[in-house]
Amino acid sequence: MDQADVLKVFQSLAAKQRLDLFCRLVHSGPTGMVAGELARDFGIPATNLSFHLKSMLAAGIVTVVSEGRFQRYRANVSLMMAVLAFIAQNCAQGASAPCAVPRPVRRREPAAKKVRAPRRAAA
């Protein structure tokens, strides 16, 4: 796997619908889903679905098998694992420590302004 392959994967997943489709295929497991099921579940026309699936096929993140007149799509989980391995190996180039997960930053809530009672007039 090289950087060009990783970029293809990220470009393919950059669209929300494609990311949602990929997640659905991951959840469907090795059984995958036929295109008609995906179109129905996502409420999108078959032509739009076909456009997204072609992009995902070109990037290699899904596979397709013909079953008669149906097309069954599956997530290519092994490719995604290879992408993650590539990132883990290459994200810390030149760093003395391996790629580390950043600590979450806790943001402070702005302090509430104190409301002062009006001063009493001197008697």
PDB file of N, CA and C in Angstrom:
ATOM      1  N   MET A   1       0.851  -1.171   0.000  1.00  0.00           N
ATOM      2  CA  MET A   1       0.000   0.000   0.000  1.00  0.00           C
ATOM      3  C   MET A   1       0.895   1.232   0.000  1.00  0.00           C
ATOM      4  N   ASP A   2       0.541   2.198  -0.825  1.00  0.00           N
ATOM      5  CA  ASP A   2       1.305   3.438  -0.851  1.00  0.00           C
ATOM      6  C   ASP A   2       0.365   4.622  -0.619  1.00  0.00           C
ATOM      7  N   GLN A   3       0.957   5.796  -0.607  1.00  0.00           N
ATOM      8  CA  GLN A   3       0.194   7.003  -0.302  1.00  0.00           C
ATOM      9  C   GLN A   3      -0.937   7.245  -1.305  1.00  0.00           C
ATOM     10  N   ALA A   4      -0.705   6.940  -2.570  1.00  0.00           N
ATOM     11  CA  ALA A   4      -1.749   7.138  -3.586  1.00  0.00           C
ATOM     12  C   ALA A   4      -2.966   6.263  -3.296  1.00  0.00           C
ATOM     13  N   ASP A   5      -2.728   5.033  -2.848  1.00  0.00           N
ATOM     14  CA  ASP A   5      -3.841   4.140  -2.496  1.00  0.00           C
ATOM     15  C   ASP A   5      -4.633   4.692  -1.315  1.00  0.00           C
ATOM     16  N   VAL A   6      -3.924   5.180  -0.323  1.00  0.00           N
ATOM     17  CA  VAL A   6      -4.581   5.736   0.866  1.00  0.00           C
ATOM     18  C   VAL A   6      -5.396   6.964   0.487  1.00  0.00           C
ATOM     19  N   LEU A   7      -4.852   7.803  -0.381  1.00  0.00           N
ATOM     20  CA  LEU A   7      -5.584   8.995  -0.814  1.00  0.00           C
ATOM     21  C   LEU A   7      -6.864   8.630  -1.554  1.00  0.00           C
ATOM     22  N   LYS A   8      -6.822   7.576  -2.375  1.00  0.00           N
ATOM     23  CA  LYS A   8      -8.038   7.123  -3.072  1.00  0.00           C
ATOM     24  C   LYS A   8      -9.124   6.734  -2.071  1.00  0.00           C
ATOM     25  N   VAL A   9      -8.712   6.027  -1.032  1.00  0.00           N
ATOM     26  CA  VAL A   9      -9.676   5.602  -0.010  1.00  0.00           C
ATOM     27  C   VAL A   9     -10.292   6.814   0.669  1.00  0.00           C
ATOM     28  N   PHE A  10      -9.451   7.760   1.082  1.00  0.00           N
ATOM     29  CA  PHE A  10      -9.976   8.945   1.768  1.00  0.00           C
ATOM     30  C   PHE A  10     -10.854   9.785   0.851  1.00  0.00           C
ATOM     31  N   GLN A  11     -10.468   9.908  -0.412  1.00  0.00           N
ATOM     32  CA  GLN A  11     -11.303  10.665  -1.351  1.00  0.00           C
ATOM     33  C   GLN A  11     -12.660  10.003  -1.518  1.00  0.00           C
ATOM     34  N   SER A  12     -12.667   8.690  -1.563  1.00  0.00           N
ATOM     35  CA  SER A  12     -13.930   7.978  -1.727  1.00  0.00           C
ATOM     36  C   SER A  12     -14.826   8.138  -0.508  1.00  0.00           C
ATOM     37  N   LEU A  13     -14.249   8.179   0.674  1.00  0.00           N
ATOM     38  CA  LEU A  13     -15.044   8.295   1.899  1.00  0.00           C
ATOM     39  C   LEU A  13     -15.340   9.739   2.288  1.00  0.00           C
ATOM     40  N   ALA A  14     -14.864  10.697   1.499  1.00  0.00           N
ATOM     41  CA  ALA A  14     -15.046  12.107   1.851  1.00  0.00           C
ATOM     42  C   ALA A  14     -16.490  12.570   1.716  1.00  0.00           C
ATOM     43  N   ALA A  15     -17.306  11.844   0.980  1.00  0.00           N
ATOM     44  CA  ALA A  15     -18.724  12.195   0.837  1.00  0.00           C
ATOM     45  C   ALA A  15     -19.514  11.488   1.936  1.00  0.00           C
ATOM     46  N   LYS A  16     -20.404  12.210   2.589  1.00  0.00           N
ATOM     47  CA  LYS A  16     -21.167  11.662   3.711  1.00  0.00           C
ATOM     48  C   LYS A  16     -21.928  10.398   3.323  1.00  0.00           C
ATOM     49  N   GLN A  17     -22.597  10.420   2.171  1.00  0.00           N
ATOM     50  CA  GLN A  17     -23.375   9.237   1.783  1.00  0.00           C
ATOM     51  C   GLN A  17     -22.486   8.020   1.587  1.00  0.00           C
ATOM     52  N   ARG A  18     -21.286   8.224   1.060  1.00  0.00           N
ATOM     53  CA  ARG A  18     -20.382   7.087   0.863  1.00  0.00           C
ATOM     54  C   ARG A  18     -19.896   6.541   2.198  1.00  0.00           C
ATOM     55  N   LEU A  19     -19.594   7.438   3.106  1.00  0.00           N
ATOM     56  CA  LEU A  19     -19.178   6.982   4.433  1.00  0.00           C
ATOM     57  C   LEU A  19     -20.314   6.217   5.105  1.00  0.00           C
ATOM     58  N   ASP A  20     -21.536   6.731   4.989  1.00  0.00           N
ATOM     59  CA  ASP A  20     -22.701   6.032   5.552  1.00  0.00           C
ATOM     60  C   ASP A  20     -22.894   4.663   4.895  1.00  0.00           C
ATOM     61  N   LEU A  21     -22.739   4.607   3.574  1.00  0.00           N
ATOM     62  CA  LEU A  21     -22.859   3.328   2.861  1.00  0.00           C
ATOM     63  C   LEU A  21     -21.801   2.336   3.339  1.00  0.00           C
ATOM     64  N   PHE A  22     -20.575   2.817   3.472  1.00  0.00           N
ATOM     65  CA  PHE A  22     -19.499   1.936   3.921  1.00  0.00           C
ATOM     66  C   PHE A  22     -19.791   1.404   5.324  1.00  0.00           C
ATOM     67  N   CYS A  23     -20.227   2.282   6.212  1.00  0.00           N
ATOM     68  CA  CYS A  23     -20.551   1.848   7.578  1.00  0.00           C
ATOM     69  C   CYS A  23     -21.658   0.803   7.567  1.00  0.00           C
ATOM     70  N   ARG A  24     -22.671   1.012   6.731  1.00  0.00           N
ATOM     71  CA  ARG A  24     -23.765   0.039   6.648  1.00  0.00           C
ATOM     72  C   ARG A  24     -23.238  -1.305   6.163  1.00  0.00           C
ATOM     73  N   LEU A  25     -22.343  -1.280   5.180  1.00  0.00           N
ATOM     74  CA  LEU A  25     -21.787  -2.532   4.668  1.00  0.00           C
ATOM     75  C   LEU A  25     -20.908  -3.221   5.709  1.00  0.00           C
ATOM     76  N   VAL A  26     -20.182  -2.449   6.498  1.00  0.00           N
ATOM     77  CA  VAL A  26     -19.389  -3.046   7.576  1.00  0.00           C
ATOM     78  C   VAL A  26     -20.322  -3.733   8.565  1.00  0.00           C
ATOM     79  N   HIS A  27     -21.405  -3.055   8.929  1.00  0.00           N
ATOM     80  CA  HIS A  27     -22.363  -3.625   9.885  1.00  0.00           C
ATOM     81  C   HIS A  27     -23.061  -4.865   9.333  1.00  0.00           C
ATOM     82  N   SER A  28     -23.200  -4.944   8.021  1.00  0.00           N
ATOM     83  CA  SER A  28     -23.869  -6.113   7.436  1.00  0.00           C
ATOM     84  C   SER A  28     -22.977  -7.349   7.459  1.00  0.00           C
ATOM     85  N   GLY A  29     -21.698  -7.160   7.729  1.00  0.00           N
ATOM     86  CA  GLY A  29     -20.778  -8.286   7.857  1.00  0.00           C
ATOM     87  C   GLY A  29     -20.452  -8.936   6.528  1.00  0.00           C
ATOM     88  N   PRO A  30     -20.005 -10.186   6.574  1.00  0.00           N
ATOM     89  CA  PRO A  30     -19.588 -10.862   5.347  1.00  0.00           C
ATOM     90  C   PRO A  30     -20.735 -11.142   4.385  1.00  0.00           C
ATOM     91  N   THR A  31     -21.966 -11.066   4.865  1.00  0.00           N
ATOM     92  CA  THR A  31     -23.122 -11.270   3.991  1.00  0.00           C
ATOM     93  C   THR A  31     -23.241 -10.139   2.989  1.00  0.00           C
ATOM     94  N   GLY A  32     -22.915  -8.924   3.409  1.00  0.00           N
ATOM     95  CA  GLY A  32     -23.061  -7.767   2.536  1.00  0.00           C
ATOM     96  C   GLY A  32     -24.518  -7.442   2.283  1.00  0.00           C
ATOM     97  N   MET A  33     -24.753  -6.619   1.281  1.00  0.00           N
ATOM     98  CA  MET A  33     -26.117  -6.217   0.931  1.00  0.00           C
ATOM     99  C   MET A  33     -26.220  -6.060  -0.574  1.00  0.00           C
ATOM    100  N   VAL A  34     -27.406  -6.342  -1.101  1.00  0.00           N
ATOM    101  CA  VAL A  34     -27.618  -6.105  -2.523  1.00  0.00           C
ATOM    102  C   VAL A  34     -27.947  -4.631  -2.724  1.00  0.00           C
ATOM    103  N   ALA A  35     -27.687  -4.153  -3.924  1.00  0.00           N
ATOM    104  CA  ALA A  35     -27.852  -2.730  -4.223  1.00  0.00           C
ATOM    105  C   ALA A  35     -29.268  -2.246  -3.937  1.00  0.00           C
ATOM    106  N   GLY A  36     -30.261  -3.053  -4.250  1.00  0.00           N
ATOM    107  CA  GLY A  36     -31.647  -2.653  -4.009  1.00  0.00           C
ATOM    108  C   GLY A  36     -31.938  -2.402  -2.541  1.00  0.00           C
ATOM    109  N   GLU A  37     -31.362  -3.231  -1.663  1.00  0.00           N
ATOM    110  CA  GLU A  37     -31.531  -3.029  -0.218  1.00  0.00           C
ATOM    111  C   GLU A  37     -30.913  -1.710   0.216  1.00  0.00           C
ATOM    112  N   LEU A  38     -29.720  -1.436  -0.300  1.00  0.00           N
ATOM    113  CA  LEU A  38     -29.046  -0.184   0.054  1.00  0.00           C
ATOM    114  C   LEU A  38     -29.851   1.020  -0.415  1.00  0.00           C
ATOM    115  N   ALA A  39     -30.337   0.971  -1.658  1.00  0.00           N
ATOM    116  CA  ALA A  39     -31.122   2.088  -2.196  1.00  0.00           C
ATOM    117  C   ALA A  39     -32.378   2.308  -1.361  1.00  0.00           C
ATOM    118  N   ARG A  40     -33.045   1.221  -0.997  1.00  0.00           N
ATOM    119  CA  ARG A  40     -34.261   1.333  -0.189  1.00  0.00           C
ATOM    120  C   ARG A  40     -33.947   1.893   1.202  1.00  0.00           C
ATOM    121  N   ASP A  41     -32.918   1.355   1.850  1.00  0.00           N
ATOM    122  CA  ASP A  41     -32.576   1.781   3.207  1.00  0.00           C
ATOM    123  C   ASP A  41     -32.149   3.242   3.269  1.00  0.00           C
ATOM    124  N   PHE A  42     -31.450   3.695   2.227  1.00  0.00           N
ATOM    125  CA  PHE A  42     -30.974   5.075   2.229  1.00  0.00           C
ATOM    126  C   PHE A  42     -31.941   6.030   1.540  1.00  0.00           C
ATOM    127  N   GLY A  43     -32.947   5.490   0.893  1.00  0.00           N
ATOM    128  CA  GLY A  43     -33.935   6.338   0.233  1.00  0.00           C
ATOM    129  C   GLY A  43     -33.355   7.160  -0.902  1.00  0.00           C
ATOM    130  N   ILE A  44     -32.427   6.561  -1.650  1.00  0.00           N
ATOM    131  CA  ILE A  44     -31.830   7.280  -2.777  1.00  0.00           C
ATOM    132  C   ILE A  44     -32.111   6.505  -4.065  1.00  0.00           C
ATOM    133  N   PRO A  45     -32.210   7.221  -5.179  1.00  0.00           N
ATOM    134  CA  PRO A  45     -32.444   6.546  -6.460  1.00  0.00           C
ATOM    135  C   PRO A  45     -31.285   5.610  -6.817  1.00  0.00           C
ATOM    136  N   ALA A  46     -31.598   4.580  -7.568  1.00  0.00           N
ATOM    137  CA  ALA A  46     -30.592   3.592  -7.962  1.00  0.00           C
ATOM    138  C   ALA A  46     -29.431   4.227  -8.724  1.00  0.00           C
ATOM    139  N   THR A  47     -29.710   5.255  -9.532  1.00  0.00           N
ATOM    140  CA  THR A  47     -28.625   5.896 -10.289  1.00  0.00           C
ATOM    141  C   THR A  47     -27.646   6.598  -9.353  1.00  0.00           C
ATOM    142  N   ASN A  48     -28.156   7.262  -8.324  1.00  0.00           N
ATOM    143  CA  ASN A  48     -27.266   7.924  -7.357  1.00  0.00           C
ATOM    144  C   ASN A  48     -26.445   6.886  -6.591  1.00  0.00           C
ATOM    145  N   LEU A  49     -27.107   5.810  -6.185  1.00  0.00           N
ATOM    146  CA  LEU A  49     -26.407   4.749  -5.464  1.00  0.00           C
ATOM    147  C   LEU A  49     -25.301   4.159  -6.336  1.00  0.00           C
ATOM    148  N   SER A  50     -25.609   3.911  -7.595  1.00  0.00           N
ATOM    149  CA  SER A  50     -24.632   3.357  -8.524  1.00  0.00           C
ATOM    150  C   SER A  50     -23.412   4.265  -8.644  1.00  0.00           C
ATOM    151  N   PHE A  51     -23.642   5.569  -8.710  1.00  0.00           N
ATOM    152  CA  PHE A  51     -22.551   6.544  -8.787  1.00  0.00           C
ATOM    153  C   PHE A  51     -21.627   6.411  -7.574  1.00  0.00           C
ATOM    154  N   HIS A  52     -22.213   6.349  -6.380  1.00  0.00           N
ATOM    155  CA  HIS A  52     -21.412   6.252  -5.157  1.00  0.00           C
ATOM    156  C   HIS A  52     -20.685   4.914  -5.074  1.00  0.00           C
ATOM    157  N   LEU A  53     -21.373   3.843  -5.414  1.00  0.00           N
ATOM    158  CA  LEU A  53     -20.742   2.525  -5.332  1.00  0.00           C
ATOM    159  C   LEU A  53     -19.601   2.373  -6.332  1.00  0.00           C
ATOM    160  N   LYS A  54     -19.721   2.992  -7.511  1.00  0.00           N
ATOM    161  CA  LYS A  54     -18.620   2.946  -8.490  1.00  0.00           C
ATOM    162  C   LYS A  54     -17.372   3.608  -7.931  1.00  0.00           C
ATOM    163  N   SER A  55     -17.549   4.744  -7.268  1.00  0.00           N
ATOM    164  CA  SER A  55     -16.414   5.434  -6.654  1.00  0.00           C
ATOM    165  C   SER A  55     -15.775   4.567  -5.574  1.00  0.00           C
ATOM    166  N   MET A  56     -16.616   3.915  -4.788  1.00  0.00           N
ATOM    167  CA  MET A  56     -16.112   3.066  -3.715  1.00  0.00           C
ATOM    168  C   MET A  56     -15.415   1.820  -4.271  1.00  0.00           C
ATOM    169  N   LEU A  57     -15.940   1.279  -5.370  1.00  0.00           N
ATOM    170  CA  LEU A  57     -15.290   0.140  -6.025  1.00  0.00           C
ATOM    171  C   LEU A  57     -13.929   0.534  -6.586  1.00  0.00           C
ATOM    172  N   ALA A  58     -13.855   1.717  -7.200  1.00  0.00           N
ATOM    173  CA  ALA A  58     -12.592   2.185  -7.777  1.00  0.00           C
ATOM    174  C   ALA A  58     -11.523   2.347  -6.700  1.00  0.00           C
ATOM    175  N   ALA A  59     -11.937   2.763  -5.505  1.00  0.00           N
ATOM    176  CA  ALA A  59     -10.991   2.922  -4.401  1.00  0.00           C
ATOM    177  C   ALA A  59     -10.670   1.585  -3.739  1.00  0.00           C
ATOM    178  N   GLY A  60     -11.486   0.574  -4.019  1.00  0.00           N
ATOM    179  CA  GLY A  60     -11.247  -0.750  -3.460  1.00  0.00           C
ATOM    180  C   GLY A  60     -11.855  -0.986  -2.091  1.00  0.00           C
ATOM    181  N   ILE A  61     -12.649  -0.043  -1.590  1.00  0.00           N
ATOM    182  CA  ILE A  61     -13.178  -0.199  -0.232  1.00  0.00           C
ATOM    183  C   ILE A  61     -14.418  -1.078  -0.171  1.00  0.00           C
ATOM    184  N   VAL A  62     -14.984  -1.400  -1.337  1.00  0.00           N
ATOM    185  CA  VAL A  62     -16.073  -2.375  -1.395  1.00  0.00           C
ATOM    186  C   VAL A  62     -15.759  -3.375  -2.499  1.00  0.00           C
ATOM    187  N   THR A  63     -16.357  -4.541  -2.374  1.00  0.00           N
ATOM    188  CA  THR A  63     -16.269  -5.557  -3.418  1.00  0.00           C
ATOM    189  C   THR A  63     -17.686  -5.871  -3.866  1.00  0.00           C
ATOM    190  N   VAL A  64     -17.807  -6.424  -5.061  1.00  0.00           N
ATOM    191  CA  VAL A  64     -19.131  -6.757  -5.586  1.00  0.00           C
ATOM    192  C   VAL A  64     -19.084  -8.136  -6.223  1.00  0.00           C
ATOM    193  N   VAL A  65     -20.167  -8.872  -6.031  1.00  0.00           N
ATOM    194  CA  VAL A  65     -20.329 -10.197  -6.627  1.00  0.00           C
ATOM    195  C   VAL A  65     -21.705 -10.236  -7.263  1.00  0.00           C
ATOM    196  N   SER A  66     -21.759 -10.724  -8.501  1.00  0.00           N
ATOM    197  CA  SER A  66     -23.052 -10.871  -9.173  1.00  0.00           C
ATOM    198  C   SER A  66     -23.742 -12.127  -8.672  1.00  0.00           C
ATOM    199  N   GLU A  67     -25.011 -11.962  -8.334  1.00  0.00           N
ATOM    200  CA  GLU A  67     -25.851 -13.091  -7.928  1.00  0.00           C
ATOM    201  C   GLU A  67     -27.091 -13.055  -8.807  1.00  0.00           C
ATOM    202  N   GLY A  68     -26.990 -13.693  -9.960  1.00  0.00           N
ATOM    203  CA  GLY A  68     -28.090 -13.615 -10.920  1.00  0.00           C
ATOM    204  C   GLY A  68     -28.201 -12.190 -11.440  1.00  0.00           C
ATOM    205  N   ARG A  69     -29.356 -11.589 -11.246  1.00  0.00           N
ATOM    206  CA  ARG A  69     -29.514 -10.200 -11.702  1.00  0.00           C
ATOM    207  C   ARG A  69     -29.244  -9.184 -10.599  1.00  0.00           C
ATOM    208  N   PHE A  70     -28.775  -9.660  -9.441  1.00  0.00           N
ATOM    209  CA  PHE A  70     -28.481  -8.771  -8.320  1.00  0.00           C
ATOM    210  C   PHE A  70     -26.975  -8.602  -8.158  1.00  0.00           C
ATOM    211  N   GLN A  71     -26.597  -7.473  -7.587  1.00  0.00           N
ATOM    212  CA  GLN A  71     -25.201  -7.194  -7.264  1.00  0.00           C
ATOM    213  C   GLN A  71     -25.088  -7.123  -5.742  1.00  0.00           C
ATOM    214  N   ARG A  72     -24.260  -7.980  -5.149  1.00  0.00           N
ATOM    215  CA  ARG A  72     -24.079  -7.974  -3.700  1.00  0.00           C
ATOM    216  C   ARG A  72     -22.764  -7.265  -3.373  1.00  0.00           C
ATOM    217  N   TYR A  73     -22.868  -6.233  -2.535  1.00  0.00           N
ATOM    218  CA  TYR A  73     -21.714  -5.428  -2.146  1.00  0.00           C
ATOM    219  C   TYR A  73     -21.291  -5.776  -0.725  1.00  0.00           C
ATOM    220  N   ARG A  74     -19.981  -5.793  -0.517  1.00  0.00           N
ATOM    221  CA  ARG A  74     -19.414  -6.052   0.809  1.00  0.00           C
ATOM    222  C   ARG A  74     -18.317  -5.032   1.080  1.00  0.00           C
ATOM    223  N   ALA A  75     -18.166  -4.677   2.342  1.00  0.00           N
ATOM    224  CA  ALA A  75     -17.072  -3.789   2.740  1.00  0.00           C
ATOM    225  C   ALA A  75     -15.763  -4.567   2.667  1.00  0.00           C
ATOM    226  N   ASN A  76     -14.728  -3.918   2.166  1.00  0.00           N
ATOM    227  CA  ASN A  76     -13.401  -4.528   2.113  1.00  0.00           C
ATOM    228  C   ASN A  76     -12.663  -4.125   3.390  1.00  0.00           C
ATOM    229  N   VAL A  77     -12.960  -4.831   4.461  1.00  0.00           N
ATOM    230  CA  VAL A  77     -12.412  -4.490   5.771  1.00  0.00           C
ATOM    231  C   VAL A  77     -10.901  -4.679   5.796  1.00  0.00           C
ATOM    232  N   SER A  78     -10.390  -5.678   5.099  1.00  0.00           N
ATOM    233  CA  SER A  78      -8.939  -5.905   5.098  1.00  0.00           C
ATOM    234  C   SER A  78      -8.197  -4.724   4.474  1.00  0.00           C
ATOM    235  N   LEU A  79      -8.789  -4.102   3.454  1.00  0.00           N
ATOM    236  CA  LEU A  79      -8.153  -2.918   2.869  1.00  0.00           C
ATOM    237  C   LEU A  79      -8.138  -1.766   3.876  1.00  0.00           C
ATOM    238  N   MET A  80      -9.239  -1.588   4.590  1.00  0.00           N
ATOM    239  CA  MET A  80      -9.282  -0.508   5.584  1.00  0.00           C
ATOM    240  C   MET A  80      -8.269  -0.749   6.697  1.00  0.00           C
ATOM    241  N   MET A  81      -8.060  -2.003   7.072  1.00  0.00           N
ATOM    242  CA  MET A  81      -7.041  -2.320   8.074  1.00  0.00           C
ATOM    243  C   MET A  81      -5.649  -1.982   7.537  1.00  0.00           C
ATOM    244  N   ALA A  82      -5.428  -2.225   6.249  1.00  0.00           N
ATOM    245  CA  ALA A  82      -4.144  -1.878   5.634  1.00  0.00           C
ATOM    246  C   ALA A  82      -3.950  -0.364   5.610  1.00  0.00           C
ATOM    247  N   VAL A  83      -5.030   0.381   5.371  1.00  0.00           N
ATOM    248  CA  VAL A  83      -4.947   1.848   5.395  1.00  0.00           C
ATOM    249  C   VAL A  83      -4.554   2.315   6.790  1.00  0.00           C
ATOM    250  N   LEU A  84      -5.188   1.760   7.804  1.00  0.00           N
ATOM    251  CA  LEU A  84      -4.858   2.138   9.182  1.00  0.00           C
ATOM    252  C   LEU A  84      -3.420   1.769   9.528  1.00  0.00           C
ATOM    253  N   ALA A  85      -2.954   0.627   9.049  1.00  0.00           N
ATOM    254  CA  ALA A  85      -1.565   0.224   9.291  1.00  0.00           C
ATOM    255  C   ALA A  85      -0.604   1.192   8.609  1.00  0.00           C
ATOM    256  N   PHE A  86      -0.944   1.610   7.387  1.00  0.00           N
ATOM    257  CA  PHE A  86      -0.108   2.574   6.671  1.00  0.00           C
ATOM    258  C   PHE A  86      -0.005   3.873   7.462  1.00  0.00           C
ATOM    259  N   ILE A  87      -1.132   4.345   7.963  1.00  0.00           N
ATOM    260  CA  ILE A  87      -1.139   5.595   8.730  1.00  0.00           C
ATOM    261  C   ILE A  87      -0.311   5.438   9.998  1.00  0.00           C
ATOM    262  N   ALA A  88      -0.481   4.328  10.697  1.00  0.00           N
ATOM    263  CA  ALA A  88       0.267   4.103  11.932  1.00  0.00           C
ATOM    264  C   ALA A  88       1.770   4.063  11.669  1.00  0.00           C
ATOM    265  N   GLN A  89       2.177   3.496  10.539  1.00  0.00           N
ATOM    266  CA  GLN A  89       3.598   3.389  10.228  1.00  0.00           C
ATOM    267  C   GLN A  89       4.185   4.695   9.714  1.00  0.00           C
ATOM    268  N   ASN A  90       3.364   5.518   9.082  1.00  0.00           N
ATOM    269  CA  ASN A  90       3.907   6.685   8.398  1.00  0.00           C
ATOM    270  C   ASN A  90       3.545   8.029   9.006  1.00  0.00           C
ATOM    271  N   CYS A  91       2.707   8.058  10.007  1.00  0.00           N
ATOM    272  CA  CYS A  91       2.269   9.356  10.525  1.00  0.00           C
ATOM    273  C   CYS A  91       3.317  10.005  11.408  1.00  0.00           C
ATOM    274  N   ALA A  92       4.268   9.241  11.905  1.00  0.00           N
ATOM    275  CA  ALA A  92       5.249   9.796  12.828  1.00  0.00           C
ATOM    276  C   ALA A  92       6.627   9.920  12.190  1.00  0.00           C
ATOM    277  N   GLN A  93       6.680  10.152  10.893  1.00  0.00           N
ATOM    278  CA  GLN A  93       7.971  10.261  10.218  1.00  0.00           C
ATOM    279  C   GLN A  93       8.804  11.366  10.854  1.00  0.00           C
ATOM    280  N   GLY A  94      10.017  11.010  11.248  1.00  0.00           N
ATOM    281  CA  GLY A  94      10.923  11.987  11.832  1.00  0.00           C
ATOM    282  C   GLY A  94      10.694  12.215  13.314  1.00  0.00           C
ATOM    283  N   ALA A  95       9.664  11.652  13.880  1.00  0.00           N
ATOM    284  CA  ALA A  95       9.404  11.827  15.306  1.00  0.00           C
ATOM    285  C   ALA A  95      10.185  10.777  16.089  1.00  0.00           C
ATOM    286  N   SER A  96      10.553  11.119  17.313  1.00  0.00           N
ATOM    287  CA  SER A  96      11.311  10.170  18.121  1.00  0.00           C
ATOM    288  C   SER A  96      10.417   9.105  18.743  1.00  0.00           C
ATOM    289  N   ALA A  97       9.133   9.388  18.858  1.00  0.00           N
ATOM    290  CA  ALA A  97       8.202   8.428  19.458  1.00  0.00           C
ATOM    291  C   ALA A  97       7.242   7.929  18.388  1.00  0.00           C
ATOM    292  N   PRO A  98       6.681   6.746  18.572  1.00  0.00           N
ATOM    293  CA  PRO A  98       5.686   6.275  17.603  1.00  0.00           C
ATOM    294  C   PRO A  98       4.452   7.163  17.620  1.00  0.00           C
ATOM    295  N   CYS A  99       3.654   6.999  16.607  1.00  0.00           N
ATOM    296  CA  CYS A  99       2.435   7.782  16.482  1.00  0.00           C
ATOM    297  C   CYS A  99       1.610   7.653  17.758  1.00  0.00           C
ATOM    298  N   ALA A 100       1.301   8.770  18.350  1.00  0.00           N
ATOM    299  CA  ALA A 100       0.566   8.760  19.615  1.00  0.00           C
ATOM    300  C   ALA A 100      -0.802   9.392  19.441  1.00  0.00           C
ATOM    301  N   VAL A 101      -1.706   8.934  20.244  1.00  0.00           N
ATOM    302  CA  VAL A 101      -3.045   9.513  20.238  1.00  0.00           C
ATOM    303  C   VAL A 101      -3.007  10.753  21.115  1.00  0.00           C
ATOM    304  N   PRO A 102      -3.436  11.900  20.597  1.00  0.00           N
ATOM    305  CA  PRO A 102      -3.395  13.110  21.414  1.00  0.00           C
ATOM    306  C   PRO A 102      -4.369  13.020  22.583  1.00  0.00           C
ATOM    307  N   ARG A 103      -3.969  13.652  23.681  1.00  0.00           N
ATOM    308  CA  ARG A 103      -4.860  13.702  24.840  1.00  0.00           C
ATOM    309  C   ARG A 103      -5.988  14.676  24.558  1.00  0.00           C
ATOM    310  N   PRO A 104      -7.180  14.373  25.037  1.00  0.00           N
ATOM    311  CA  PRO A 104      -8.289  15.304  24.820  1.00  0.00           C
ATOM    312  C   PRO A 104      -8.034  16.613  25.548  1.00  0.00           C
ATOM    313  N   VAL A 105      -8.442  17.667  24.931  1.00  0.00           N
ATOM    314  CA  VAL A 105      -8.282  18.992  25.526  1.00  0.00           C
ATOM    315  C   VAL A 105      -9.571  19.335  26.243  1.00  0.00           C
ATOM    316  N   ARG A 106      -9.448  19.685  27.501  1.00  0.00           N
ATOM    317  CA  ARG A 106     -10.634  20.085  28.258  1.00  0.00           C
ATOM    318  C   ARG A 106     -10.758  21.593  28.159  1.00  0.00           C
ATOM    319  N   ARG A 107     -11.863  22.000  27.675  1.00  0.00           N
ATOM    320  CA  ARG A 107     -12.103  23.433  27.551  1.00  0.00           C
ATOM    321  C   ARG A 107     -12.834  23.911  28.790  1.00  0.00           C
ATOM    322  N   ARG A 108     -12.394  25.039  29.276  1.00  0.00           N
ATOM    323  CA  ARG A 108     -13.065  25.619  30.433  1.00  0.00           C
ATOM    324  C   ARG A 108     -14.297  26.364  29.980  1.00  0.00           C
ATOM    325  N   GLU A 109     -15.309  26.219  30.774  1.00  0.00           N
ATOM    326  CA  GLU A 109     -16.524  26.988  30.516  1.00  0.00           C
ATOM    327  C   GLU A 109     -16.238  28.428  30.919  1.00  0.00           C
ATOM    328  N   PRO A 110     -16.721  29.380  30.135  1.00  0.00           N
ATOM    329  CA  PRO A 110     -16.498  30.768  30.535  1.00  0.00           C
ATOM    330  C   PRO A 110     -17.150  31.025  31.889  1.00  0.00           C
ATOM    331  N   ALA A 111     -16.437  31.766  32.710  1.00  0.00           N
ATOM    332  CA  ALA A 111     -16.950  32.075  34.047  1.00  0.00           C
ATOM    333  C   ALA A 111     -18.211  32.918  33.926  1.00  0.00           C
ATOM    334  N   ALA A 112     -19.165  32.576  34.745  1.00  0.00           N
ATOM    335  CA  ALA A 112     -20.414  33.347  34.739  1.00  0.00           C
ATOM    336  C   ALA A 112     -20.143  34.718  35.349  1.00  0.00           C
ATOM    337  N   LYS A 113     -20.702  35.718  34.746  1.00  0.00           N
ATOM    338  CA  LYS A 113     -20.513  37.069  35.274  1.00  0.00           C
ATOM    339  C   LYS A 113     -21.358  37.224  36.524  1.00  0.00           C
ATOM    340  N   LYS A 114     -20.737  37.794  37.526  1.00  0.00           N
ATOM    341  CA  LYS A 114     -21.467  38.028  38.763  1.00  0.00           C
ATOM    342  C   LYS A 114     -22.326  39.267  38.596  1.00  0.00           C
ATOM    343  N   VAL A 115     -23.528  39.128  39.013  1.00  0.00           N
ATOM    344  CA  VAL A 115     -24.436  40.271  38.959  1.00  0.00           C
ATOM    345  C   VAL A 115     -24.451  40.881  40.347  1.00  0.00           C
ATOM    346  N   ARG A 116     -24.072  42.137  40.411  1.00  0.00           N
ATOM    347  CA  ARG A 116     -24.041  42.816  41.709  1.00  0.00           C
ATOM    348  C   ARG A 116     -25.369  43.499  41.976  1.00  0.00           C
ATOM    349  N   ALA A 117     -25.714  43.455  43.224  1.00  0.00           N
ATOM    350  CA  ALA A 117     -26.938  44.154  43.631  1.00  0.00           C
ATOM    351  C   ALA A 117     -26.670  45.653  43.559  1.00  0.00           C
ATOM    352  N   PRO A 118     -27.664  46.421  43.201  1.00  0.00           N
ATOM    353  CA  PRO A 118     -27.448  47.869  43.148  1.00  0.00           C
ATOM    354  C   PRO A 118     -27.108  48.410  44.532  1.00  0.00           C
ATOM    355  N   ARG A 119     -26.259  49.418  44.539  1.00  0.00           N
ATOM    356  CA  ARG A 119     -25.857  50.036  45.807  1.00  0.00           C
ATOM    357  C   ARG A 119     -27.015  50.810  46.400  1.00  0.00           C
ATOM    358  N   ARG A 120     -27.063  50.764  47.719  1.00  0.00           N
ATOM    359  CA  ARG A 120     -28.085  51.544  48.414  1.00  0.00           C
ATOM    360  C   ARG A 120     -27.598  52.975  48.554  1.00  0.00           C
ATOM    361  N   ALA A 121     -28.523  53.832  48.469  1.00  0.00           N
ATOM    362  CA  ALA A 121     -28.173  55.252  48.629  1.00  0.00           C
ATOM    363  C   ALA A 121     -27.830  55.518  50.090  1.00  0.00           C
ATOM    364  N   ALA A 122     -26.828  56.354  50.307  1.00  0.00           N
ATOM    365  CA  ALA A 122     -26.408  56.694  51.673  1.00  0.00           C
ATOM    366  C   ALA A 122     -27.483  57.537  52.342  1.00  0.00           C
ATOM    367  N   ALA A 123     -27.754  57.248  53.579  1.00  0.00           N
ATOM    368  CA  ALA A 123     -28.800  57.992  54.287  1.00  0.00           C
ATOM    369  C   ALA A 123     -28.271  59.145  55.051  1.00  0.00           C
TER     370      ALA A 123
END
